Protein backbone atom coordinates (compact mmCIF):
# COMPACT_ATOMS: atom_id res chain seq x y z
CA MET A 1 -10.24 11.79 5.81
CA THR A 2 -13.80 10.97 6.71
CA LEU A 3 -16.09 8.93 4.50
CA ALA A 4 -18.46 11.89 4.51
CA ASN A 5 -15.73 14.01 2.87
CA LEU A 6 -15.36 11.48 0.05
CA LEU A 7 -19.10 11.14 -0.43
CA GLY A 8 -19.34 14.91 -0.60
CA LYS A 9 -17.14 14.81 -3.71
CA GLY A 10 -19.70 12.81 -5.65
CA LEU A 11 -18.55 9.32 -4.69
CA GLU A 12 -21.04 6.67 -3.66
CA LYS A 13 -20.65 4.33 -0.72
CA ALA A 14 -21.09 0.65 -1.55
CA GLU A 15 -23.68 -0.83 0.76
CA THR A 16 -22.97 -4.31 2.12
CA ASP A 17 -25.74 -6.59 3.33
CA ALA A 18 -25.22 -7.86 6.89
CA ARG A 19 -26.04 -11.38 5.71
CA GLU A 20 -23.26 -11.16 3.15
CA VAL A 21 -20.79 -10.20 5.88
CA THR A 22 -21.96 -13.15 7.99
CA ARG A 23 -21.42 -15.50 5.05
CA TYR A 24 -17.93 -14.12 4.56
CA LEU A 25 -17.06 -14.59 8.22
CA ASP A 26 -18.42 -18.14 8.19
CA LYS A 27 -16.38 -18.92 5.10
CA ILE A 28 -13.25 -17.46 6.69
CA GLY A 29 -13.84 -19.52 9.84
CA ARG A 30 -14.10 -22.72 7.81
CA LYS A 31 -10.89 -21.96 5.96
CA LEU A 32 -9.01 -21.30 9.19
CA GLU A 33 -10.25 -24.62 10.56
CA ASP A 34 -8.98 -26.36 7.41
CA ALA A 35 -5.63 -24.60 7.83
CA ARG A 36 -5.31 -26.10 11.31
CA ARG A 37 -5.86 -29.68 10.10
CA THR A 38 -2.57 -31.53 10.38
CA SER A 39 -3.89 -34.11 7.90
CA ASN A 40 -3.46 -31.49 5.16
CA HIS A 41 -0.05 -30.98 3.58
CA LEU A 42 1.85 -28.03 5.08
CA ASP A 43 1.89 -26.13 1.76
CA THR A 44 -1.86 -26.64 1.43
CA ARG A 45 -2.43 -25.38 4.97
CA PHE A 46 -0.36 -22.26 4.21
CA ASP A 47 -2.31 -21.56 1.00
CA ILE A 48 -5.65 -21.96 2.82
CA ALA A 49 -4.59 -19.68 5.68
CA PHE A 50 -3.27 -17.07 3.23
CA GLU A 51 -6.55 -17.08 1.32
CA ALA A 52 -8.44 -16.67 4.61
CA LEU A 53 -6.33 -13.60 5.46
CA LEU A 54 -7.13 -12.05 2.09
CA GLN A 55 -10.83 -12.69 2.66
CA ILE A 56 -10.61 -11.00 6.06
CA ALA A 57 -9.20 -7.91 4.32
CA ILE A 58 -11.97 -8.03 1.70
CA CYS A 59 -14.61 -8.32 4.42
CA ALA A 60 -13.18 -5.30 6.26
CA LEU A 61 -13.19 -3.24 3.07
CA ARG A 62 -16.78 -4.17 2.27
CA VAL A 63 -17.98 -3.24 5.77
CA ASN A 64 -16.28 0.15 5.39
CA GLY A 65 -18.06 1.07 2.17
CA TYR A 66 -15.74 -0.28 -0.53
CA ARG A 67 -16.93 -2.39 -3.43
CA VAL A 68 -14.33 -5.12 -3.90
CA ILE A 69 -13.73 -6.77 -7.26
CA ASP A 70 -11.46 -9.82 -7.06
CA ARG A 71 -10.47 -12.71 -9.32
CA THR A 72 -13.81 -14.43 -8.79
CA ASP A 73 -15.53 -11.47 -10.49
CA PHE A 74 -13.27 -11.38 -13.56
CA ASP A 75 -13.89 -12.74 -17.00
CA THR A 76 -11.62 -15.72 -17.62
CA PRO A 77 -8.10 -14.41 -16.80
CA LYS A 78 -5.37 -15.19 -19.30
CA PHE A 79 -2.81 -15.96 -16.56
CA SER A 80 -2.81 -16.47 -12.80
CA ASN A 81 -0.77 -18.07 -10.01
CA ILE A 82 -1.09 -18.53 -6.23
CA TRP A 83 -1.08 -14.74 -5.70
CA GLY A 84 -3.88 -14.04 -8.13
CA VAL A 85 -4.37 -12.91 -11.72
CA SER A 86 -1.62 -11.28 -13.75
CA ASP A 87 -1.13 -7.53 -13.70
CA GLU A 88 -2.34 -7.35 -17.30
CA ASP A 89 -5.60 -9.13 -16.43
CA LEU A 90 -6.04 -6.89 -13.42
CA PHE A 91 -5.48 -3.67 -15.36
CA ARG A 92 -7.63 -4.86 -18.28
CA ASN A 93 -10.57 -5.52 -15.98
CA ALA A 94 -10.00 -2.25 -14.11
CA LEU A 95 -10.19 -0.26 -17.35
CA ALA A 96 -13.40 -2.04 -18.35
CA GLU A 97 -14.91 -1.21 -14.95
CA TYR A 98 -13.82 2.45 -15.20
CA ASP A 99 -15.42 2.70 -18.65
CA ARG A 100 -18.69 1.38 -17.22
CA GLN A 101 -18.55 3.81 -14.30
CA GLN A 102 -17.82 6.71 -16.63
CA ALA A 103 -20.74 5.73 -18.87
CA ARG A 104 -23.02 5.83 -15.81
CA GLY A 105 -21.77 9.32 -14.97
CA GLU A 106 -20.00 8.18 -11.78
CA ARG A 107 -16.84 9.62 -10.31
CA ILE A 108 -14.06 7.12 -9.75
CA PHE A 109 -11.95 6.50 -6.66
CA SER A 110 -10.20 3.18 -7.16
CA VAL A 111 -7.34 1.20 -5.64
CA ILE A 112 -5.63 -1.48 -7.75
CA MET A 113 -3.40 -3.94 -5.90
CA THR A 114 -1.03 -5.82 -8.18
CA THR A 115 0.61 -9.03 -6.95
CA SER A 116 2.76 -10.32 -9.80
CA ASN A 117 5.98 -8.99 -8.24
CA HIS A 118 6.11 -11.81 -5.68
CA LYS A 119 7.44 -15.34 -5.58
CA PRO A 120 7.16 -17.65 -7.51
CA PHE A 121 7.74 -14.90 -10.13
CA THR A 122 5.81 -16.59 -12.92
CA PHE A 123 4.48 -14.55 -15.83
CA PRO A 124 2.70 -14.87 -19.18
CA GLU A 125 4.76 -16.24 -22.07
CA GLY A 126 5.97 -14.13 -24.96
CA ILE A 127 6.89 -10.81 -23.29
CA SER A 128 10.25 -9.44 -24.45
CA GLY A 129 12.77 -9.22 -21.60
CA VAL A 130 10.54 -11.10 -19.13
CA LYS A 131 11.26 -14.75 -18.40
CA ALA A 132 8.00 -16.64 -17.88
CA LYS A 133 9.73 -18.77 -15.21
CA GLY A 134 13.05 -18.64 -13.39
CA GLY A 135 13.67 -14.92 -13.84
CA GLY A 136 13.30 -14.10 -10.16
CA ARG A 137 12.80 -10.58 -8.87
CA GLU A 138 14.34 -8.94 -11.94
CA ALA A 139 11.68 -10.54 -14.11
CA GLY A 140 9.09 -9.38 -11.56
CA VAL A 141 10.20 -5.76 -11.85
CA ARG A 142 10.36 -5.96 -15.64
CA TYR A 143 6.87 -7.42 -15.86
CA ALA A 144 5.40 -4.91 -13.38
CA ASP A 145 6.91 -2.08 -15.47
CA TYR A 146 5.62 -3.60 -18.72
CA ALA A 147 2.06 -4.09 -17.45
CA LEU A 148 1.88 -0.68 -15.78
CA GLY A 149 3.16 1.02 -18.93
CA ARG A 150 0.48 -0.67 -21.05
CA PHE A 151 -2.18 0.32 -18.51
CA ILE A 152 -1.20 3.99 -18.54
CA ALA A 153 -0.96 4.00 -22.35
CA ALA A 154 -4.50 2.60 -22.55
CA LEU A 155 -5.73 5.03 -19.87
CA GLU A 156 -4.33 7.99 -21.81
CA LYS A 157 -6.71 7.15 -24.67
CA ARG A 158 -9.79 7.40 -22.44
CA PRO A 159 -11.87 10.59 -22.59
CA TYR A 160 -11.64 10.92 -18.81
CA PHE A 161 -7.83 10.74 -18.64
CA ASP A 162 -7.21 14.51 -18.59
CA ASP A 163 -8.95 14.72 -15.21
CA THR A 164 -7.45 11.52 -13.81
CA MET A 165 -4.68 11.33 -11.22
CA VAL A 166 -2.63 8.12 -11.15
CA VAL A 167 -0.83 7.43 -7.85
CA ILE A 168 1.78 4.67 -7.84
CA VAL A 169 3.10 3.42 -4.50
CA ALA A 170 4.39 0.16 -3.03
CA ASP A 171 3.35 -1.48 0.22
CA HIS A 172 6.93 -2.55 1.05
CA GLY A 173 10.34 -3.22 -0.50
CA ALA A 174 11.74 -6.61 -1.44
CA ARG A 175 12.74 -7.35 2.15
CA VAL A 176 14.26 -5.64 5.19
CA TYR A 177 17.81 -6.79 5.85
CA GLY A 178 21.19 -5.51 7.03
CA ARG A 179 23.39 -5.44 10.11
CA GLU A 180 21.83 -2.23 11.45
CA ASP A 181 18.89 -2.42 13.85
CA ILE A 182 16.95 -0.22 11.39
CA PRO A 183 18.49 -0.81 7.91
CA LEU A 184 17.14 2.35 6.27
CA PRO A 185 17.94 1.72 2.55
CA THR A 186 15.80 -1.42 2.49
CA TYR A 187 12.69 0.59 3.37
CA ALA A 188 12.84 2.63 0.15
CA ILE A 189 9.78 2.32 -2.11
CA PRO A 190 8.46 4.31 -5.09
CA PHE A 191 5.83 7.03 -4.74
CA MET A 192 4.86 8.69 -8.01
CA VAL A 193 1.97 10.89 -9.08
CA TYR A 194 1.08 11.16 -12.77
CA SER A 195 -1.49 13.65 -14.03
CA PRO A 196 0.06 15.63 -16.89
CA ARG A 197 -2.75 18.19 -17.11
CA HIS A 198 -2.68 19.05 -13.40
CA VAL A 199 0.69 18.06 -11.88
CA ALA A 200 3.96 19.45 -13.24
CA PRO A 201 6.99 17.11 -13.11
CA ARG A 202 9.19 17.52 -10.03
CA GLN A 203 11.15 15.55 -7.44
CA VAL A 204 10.76 15.83 -3.66
CA SER A 205 13.94 15.42 -1.61
CA ALA A 206 12.33 15.63 1.85
CA PRO A 207 11.70 12.40 3.79
CA VAL A 208 8.39 10.91 2.67
CA SER A 209 6.56 7.86 3.97
CA GLN A 210 3.36 5.97 3.21
CA LEU A 211 1.68 8.07 5.91
CA ASP A 212 2.13 11.09 3.64
CA VAL A 213 0.52 9.60 0.53
CA ALA A 214 -3.12 10.40 1.33
CA PRO A 215 -2.63 13.99 2.58
CA THR A 216 -0.29 14.77 -0.34
CA VAL A 217 -2.73 13.44 -2.94
CA LEU A 218 -5.64 15.26 -1.30
CA GLY A 219 -3.56 18.43 -1.34
CA LEU A 220 -3.00 18.03 -5.08
CA LEU A 221 -6.75 17.55 -5.52
CA ASP A 222 -7.30 20.75 -3.49
CA PHE A 223 -9.85 19.13 -1.21
CA SER A 224 -10.99 20.67 2.05
CA TYR A 225 -11.34 17.86 4.58
CA ASP A 226 -11.25 16.76 8.20
CA SER A 227 -8.66 14.14 9.10
CA ALA A 228 -6.64 12.47 11.81
CA PHE A 229 -3.67 11.74 9.55
CA PHE A 230 -0.26 11.18 11.13
CA GLY A 231 1.29 12.14 7.80
CA ARG A 232 1.33 15.50 6.04
CA ASP A 233 1.18 17.05 2.58
CA VAL A 234 4.85 16.87 1.55
CA LEU A 235 4.36 19.56 -1.09
CA ALA A 236 3.23 22.06 1.55
CA GLY A 237 6.63 22.05 3.28
CA GLY A 238 7.21 21.95 7.02
CA ALA A 239 8.82 19.39 9.30
CA SER A 240 8.74 15.75 8.26
CA TYR A 241 9.39 12.44 9.94
CA ILE A 242 9.13 8.74 9.14
CA PRO A 243 8.21 6.13 11.79
CA LEU A 244 9.97 2.79 11.24
CA ASN A 245 10.11 -0.58 12.91
CA HIS A 246 12.17 -3.73 12.47
CA ASN A 247 11.82 -6.80 14.66
CA ARG A 248 11.58 -5.37 18.19
CA ASP A 249 13.01 -1.94 17.44
CA ILE A 250 11.13 1.24 16.52
CA ALA A 251 12.56 4.52 15.30
CA LEU A 252 11.74 7.99 14.04
CA TYR A 253 13.72 9.22 11.03
CA THR A 254 13.87 12.95 10.29
CA GLY A 255 16.15 13.10 7.25
CA ASP A 256 19.54 13.37 8.93
CA SER A 257 19.06 11.48 12.19
CA LEU A 258 17.43 8.32 13.47
CA ASN A 259 16.13 8.12 17.04
CA GLN A 260 15.75 4.49 17.95
CA ILE A 261 14.10 2.63 20.84
CA GLY A 262 14.87 -1.05 21.25
CA PHE A 263 14.25 -4.09 23.41
CA ARG A 264 14.72 -3.75 27.20
CA LYS A 265 14.44 0.06 27.00
CA SER A 266 17.61 0.48 24.94
CA THR A 267 17.90 3.79 23.03
CA ALA A 268 20.18 5.29 20.42
CA THR A 269 20.55 8.38 18.28
CA LEU A 270 22.22 7.82 14.92
CA GLY A 271 23.32 10.17 12.20
CA TYR A 272 22.56 9.00 8.67
CA ASP A 273 24.58 9.74 5.54
CA LYS A 274 22.19 9.42 2.57
CA SER A 275 25.01 9.22 0.03
CA THR A 276 26.85 6.29 1.68
CA HIS A 277 23.91 4.89 3.71
CA ARG A 278 26.19 4.81 6.76
CA GLN A 279 24.79 5.20 10.26
CA ILE A 280 27.00 6.95 12.81
CA THR A 281 26.45 6.86 16.58
CA MET A 282 25.64 10.32 17.93
CA PRO A 283 25.06 11.72 21.44
CA ASP A 284 21.61 10.78 22.72
CA ASP A 285 18.85 13.13 21.54
CA ILE A 286 16.49 12.71 24.50
CA ASP A 287 13.75 14.88 23.00
CA GLY A 288 14.01 13.02 19.68
CA GLN A 289 13.73 9.67 21.45
CA ARG A 290 10.69 10.90 23.35
CA ASP A 291 9.15 12.02 20.07
CA ALA A 292 9.68 8.52 18.68
CA ALA A 293 8.04 6.92 21.70
CA SER A 294 5.12 9.35 21.67
CA VAL A 295 4.28 8.79 17.98
CA PHE A 296 4.06 5.01 18.41
CA GLN A 297 2.32 5.18 21.80
CA LEU A 298 -0.29 7.64 20.52
CA ALA A 299 -0.99 5.58 17.39
CA HIS A 300 -1.36 2.40 19.44
CA ALA A 301 -3.61 4.02 22.05
CA LEU A 302 -5.92 5.59 19.46
CA TYR A 303 -6.25 2.31 17.57
CA ALA A 304 -6.59 0.03 20.61
CA GLU A 305 -9.20 2.29 22.21
CA ARG A 306 -11.03 2.81 18.89
CA ARG A 307 -10.53 6.56 19.06
CA TYR A 308 -8.76 6.98 15.72
CA HIS A 309 -11.25 8.97 13.69
CA ALA A 310 -11.50 12.47 12.25
CA ASN A 311 -14.35 13.75 14.41
């Protein structure tokens, strides 16, 4: 979707001063230099490099018209760790910002990125069922659920909730592992849409990937727009596919088969049983393997040649 489409819906582009971008880039450069210093402890070098990567992402967002609010902009957070502030602090500040935007008569398009569900899995004290330390990933899931539930409960009390659409999606699962070249079950992530006034409850059984999130949400919003999406509106029906990669292998999954291309031009077509998660070797689907190669080659060519845009 083009930025012009979004702006046409009453959203405002955040302008970023070129000098601010230069300062960001200088700051990132200094951090990367510090990360290279062998005199620093290895853990310190990792933390510095990680922070530099986050700042690169923030810089890219700012240049592309986003206003970024991070931990340095918050009122004193009640809890934080190496990943950032707690989910509760993040949601609390988001709600305060939405209230201010609503009071100014602005429309809201916002992305909240929570980080509590990562190692070292440390959380605020005093939450029933959530160990502050030592609870591992289970505590991470419990805390994420707790904080998200409180956020939605608070959002439901806002006057603008009836015309709000909440989209919940993960960037990745816990980790990709298994003996298969493409271990499909470990790629599973949640994708939920919550807008009681506008979206009736239902489940979608077709294959869905992160590529489909934007066109599906825009379809629910009933927007007319130009795009160069690789995904599609899953509620509109039609053929679906999911591109996947693991280590040096890539694949295209279509719901019952997996066409895979590996290192040294190896290929395979596998049947997939969703109930047992078993993969079964099938006769080569040459057209399916070509489809897999074409999706990845096209995406790479458009990005590398800077031709990936809607118009």
